Amino acid sequence: MSFGTQLRLARKRKGMTQKDLAAAVGARHNTVSNWEAGRNQPDPDTVRRLCALLEVDSNYFYETEAVESQLSGIEFALFGEVRELSEQDKQDVLDFIRFKKAMSEKRQQP
């Protein structure tokens, strides 16, 4: 996921509009729209303000870009989308993965 996608997800988790976020960091509304669309990125000082406001660290915005190329489609989908799930849903997904792994191992036994 790109910086812009991560920003949009964090903003929505906080229940903020682009206008709200722009006002909170001292930017114009269309500036946040441009960040989210990937047309440009904020300067380092603004990234720090975004991190504090959205309660994430700077790695949140950049970590998935490095990981994306190393994971298969389903692995990346789980990595990126899991942040939006409730804790119970996360546990259900983990239980299902463990179940499928156990079934696969069982099929491979002679």
C-alpha atoms as a PDB file:
ATOM      1  CA  MET A   1       0.000   0.000   0.000  1.00  0.00           C
ATOM      2  CA  SER A   2       1.126   3.493  -0.739  1.00  0.00           C
ATOM      3  CA  PHE A   3       1.625   6.397   1.625  1.00  0.00           C
ATOM      4  CA  GLY A   4      -1.668   7.875   0.420  1.00  0.00           C
ATOM      5  CA  THR A   5      -3.631   4.696   1.049  1.00  0.00           C
ATOM      6  CA  GLN A   6      -2.172   4.338   4.521  1.00  0.00           C
ATOM      7  CA  LEU A   7      -2.992   7.982   5.251  1.00  0.00           C
ATOM      8  CA  ARG A   8      -6.591   7.537   4.093  1.00  0.00           C
ATOM      9  CA  LEU A   9      -7.048   4.437   6.252  1.00  0.00           C
ATOM     10  CA  ALA A  10      -5.612   6.129   9.350  1.00  0.00           C
ATOM     11  CA  ARG A  11      -7.708   9.250   8.760  1.00  0.00           C
ATOM     12  CA  LYS A  12     -10.900   7.217   8.404  1.00  0.00           C
ATOM     13  CA  ARG A  13     -10.110   5.176  11.530  1.00  0.00           C
ATOM     14  CA  LYS A  14     -10.032   8.486  13.400  1.00  0.00           C
ATOM     15  CA  GLY A  15     -13.369   9.491  11.853  1.00  0.00           C
ATOM     16  CA  MET A  16     -11.858  12.541  10.187  1.00  0.00           C
ATOM     17  CA  THR A  17     -12.619  14.096   6.833  1.00  0.00           C
ATOM     18  CA  GLN A  18      -9.873  15.384   4.570  1.00  0.00           C
ATOM     19  CA  LYS A  19     -10.922  18.883   5.593  1.00  0.00           C
ATOM     20  CA  ASP A  20     -10.608  17.985   9.302  1.00  0.00           C
ATOM     21  CA  LEU A  21      -7.145  16.553   8.799  1.00  0.00           C
ATOM     22  CA  ALA A  22      -5.999  19.485   6.709  1.00  0.00           C
ATOM     23  CA  ALA A  23      -7.120  21.964   9.362  1.00  0.00           C
ATOM     24  CA  ALA A  24      -5.420  19.950  12.115  1.00  0.00           C
ATOM     25  CA  VAL A  25      -2.030  19.968  10.365  1.00  0.00           C
ATOM     26  CA  GLY A  26      -2.291  23.428   8.827  1.00  0.00           C
ATOM     27  CA  ALA A  27      -2.765  22.362   5.211  1.00  0.00           C
ATOM     28  CA  ARG A  28      -5.430  23.035   2.591  1.00  0.00           C
ATOM     29  CA  HIS A  29      -8.146  20.427   1.936  1.00  0.00           C
ATOM     30  CA  ASN A  30      -6.918  19.708  -1.572  1.00  0.00           C
ATOM     31  CA  THR A  31      -3.417  19.093  -0.191  1.00  0.00           C
ATOM     32  CA  VAL A  32      -4.675  16.094   1.816  1.00  0.00           C
ATOM     33  CA  SER A  33      -6.543  14.901  -1.265  1.00  0.00           C
ATOM     34  CA  ASN A  34      -3.291  15.103  -3.249  1.00  0.00           C
ATOM     35  CA  TRP A  35      -1.405  13.147  -0.565  1.00  0.00           C
ATOM     36  CA  GLU A  36      -4.038  10.425  -0.557  1.00  0.00           C
ATOM     37  CA  ALA A  37      -4.103  10.258  -4.355  1.00  0.00           C
ATOM     38  CA  GLY A  38      -0.312   9.885  -4.440  1.00  0.00           C
ATOM     39  CA  ARG A  39       0.248  13.108  -6.366  1.00  0.00           C
ATOM     40  CA  ASN A  40       2.697  14.312  -3.708  1.00  0.00           C
ATOM     41  CA  GLN A  41       3.720  13.711  -0.096  1.00  0.00           C
ATOM     42  CA  PRO A  42       4.006  15.943   2.941  1.00  0.00           C
ATOM     43  CA  ASP A  43       7.331  17.247   4.208  1.00  0.00           C
ATOM     44  CA  PRO A  44       8.948  15.472   7.200  1.00  0.00           C
ATOM     45  CA  ASP A  45       7.606  17.976   9.754  1.00  0.00           C
ATOM     46  CA  THR A  46       4.070  17.457   8.509  1.00  0.00           C
ATOM     47  CA  VAL A  47       4.540  13.672   8.579  1.00  0.00           C
ATOM     48  CA  ARG A  48       5.473  14.000  12.264  1.00  0.00           C
ATOM     49  CA  ARG A  49       2.307  16.032  12.915  1.00  0.00           C
ATOM     50  CA  LEU A  50       0.234  13.456  11.024  1.00  0.00           C
ATOM     51  CA  CYS A  51       1.761  10.654  13.086  1.00  0.00           C
ATOM     52  CA  ALA A  52       0.950  12.384  16.358  1.00  0.00           C
ATOM     53  CA  LEU A  53      -2.572  13.266  15.277  1.00  0.00           C
ATOM     54  CA  LEU A  54      -3.391   9.850  13.798  1.00  0.00           C
ATOM     55  CA  GLU A  55      -1.541   7.966  16.562  1.00  0.00           C
ATOM     56  CA  VAL A  56       0.772   6.033  14.245  1.00  0.00           C
ATOM     57  CA  ASP A  57       4.532   6.011  13.845  1.00  0.00           C
ATOM     58  CA  SER A  58       6.226   7.022  10.619  1.00  0.00           C
ATOM     59  CA  ASN A  59       6.869   3.383   9.704  1.00  0.00           C
ATOM     60  CA  TYR A  60       3.110   2.953   9.360  1.00  0.00           C
ATOM     61  CA  PHE A  61       3.147   5.091   6.225  1.00  0.00           C
ATOM     62  CA  TYR A  62       6.165   3.476   4.590  1.00  0.00           C
ATOM     63  CA  GLU A  63       6.491  -0.109   5.840  1.00  0.00           C
ATOM     64  CA  THR A  64       4.013  -1.682   3.455  1.00  0.00           C
ATOM     65  CA  GLU A  65       5.778  -0.372   0.363  1.00  0.00           C
ATOM     66  CA  ALA A  66       8.811  -2.530   1.188  1.00  0.00           C
ATOM     67  CA  VAL A  67       6.743  -5.504   2.301  1.00  0.00           C
ATOM     68  CA  GLU A  68       4.356  -5.427  -0.673  1.00  0.00           C
ATOM     69  CA  SER A  69       6.931  -6.700  -3.134  1.00  0.00           C
ATOM     70  CA  GLN A  70       7.859  -9.616  -0.859  1.00  0.00           C
ATOM     71  CA  LEU A  71       4.381 -11.039  -0.293  1.00  0.00           C
ATOM     72  CA  SER A  72       1.957 -12.940  -2.470  1.00  0.00           C
ATOM     73  CA  GLY A  73      -1.418 -11.359  -3.210  1.00  0.00           C
ATOM     74  CA  ILE A  74      -3.297 -13.045  -0.376  1.00  0.00           C
ATOM     75  CA  GLU A  75      -0.496 -12.459   2.128  1.00  0.00           C
ATOM     76  CA  PHE A  76      -0.419  -8.773   1.237  1.00  0.00           C
ATOM     77  CA  ALA A  77      -4.214  -8.502   1.402  1.00  0.00           C
ATOM     78  CA  LEU A  78      -4.162  -9.980   4.902  1.00  0.00           C
ATOM     79  CA  PHE A  79      -1.292  -7.742   5.959  1.00  0.00           C
ATOM     80  CA  GLY A  80      -2.918  -4.584   4.675  1.00  0.00           C
ATOM     81  CA  GLU A  81      -6.558  -5.266   5.415  1.00  0.00           C
ATOM     82  CA  VAL A  82      -6.153  -6.784   8.874  1.00  0.00           C
ATOM     83  CA  ARG A  83      -5.702  -3.321  10.365  1.00  0.00           C
ATOM     84  CA  GLU A  84      -9.345  -2.563   9.636  1.00  0.00           C
ATOM     85  CA  LEU A  85     -10.729  -5.669  11.373  1.00  0.00           C
ATOM     86  CA  SER A  86     -12.022  -5.896  14.921  1.00  0.00           C
ATOM     87  CA  GLU A  87      -9.946  -7.914  17.373  1.00  0.00           C
ATOM     88  CA  GLN A  88     -12.513 -10.743  17.225  1.00  0.00           C
ATOM     89  CA  ASP A  89     -12.417 -10.793  13.427  1.00  0.00           C
ATOM     90  CA  LYS A  90      -8.612 -10.899  13.525  1.00  0.00           C
ATOM     91  CA  GLN A  91      -8.785 -13.887  15.857  1.00  0.00           C
ATOM     92  CA  ASP A  92     -11.331 -15.604  13.581  1.00  0.00           C
ATOM     93  CA  VAL A  93      -9.038 -15.120  10.564  1.00  0.00           C
ATOM     94  CA  LEU A  94      -6.078 -16.486  12.506  1.00  0.00           C
ATOM     95  CA  ASP A  95      -8.108 -19.507  13.664  1.00  0.00           C
ATOM     96  CA  PHE A  96      -9.206 -20.185  10.089  1.00  0.00           C
ATOM     97  CA  ILE A  97      -5.631 -19.998   8.796  1.00  0.00           C
ATOM     98  CA  ARG A  98      -4.483 -22.422  11.491  1.00  0.00           C
ATOM     99  CA  PHE A  99      -7.368 -24.767  10.630  1.00  0.00           C
ATOM    100  CA  LYS A 100      -6.508 -24.703   6.915  1.00  0.00           C
ATOM    101  CA  LYS A 101      -2.834 -25.329   7.704  1.00  0.00           C
ATOM    102  CA  ALA A 102      -3.715 -28.321   9.881  1.00  0.00           C
ATOM    103  CA  MET A 103      -5.982 -29.734   7.160  1.00  0.00           C
ATOM    104  CA  SER A 104      -3.229 -29.314   4.566  1.00  0.00           C
ATOM    105  CA  GLU A 105      -0.707 -31.062   6.808  1.00  0.00           C
ATOM    106  CA  LYS A 106      -3.178 -33.882   7.430  1.00  0.00           C
ATOM    107  CA  ARG A 107      -3.669 -34.417   3.666  1.00  0.00           C
ATOM    108  CA  GLN A 108       0.090 -34.622   3.156  1.00  0.00           C
ATOM    109  CA  GLN A 109       0.560 -37.396   5.709  1.00  0.00           C
ATOM    110  CA  PRO A 110       0.722 -40.943   4.282  1.00  0.00           C
END
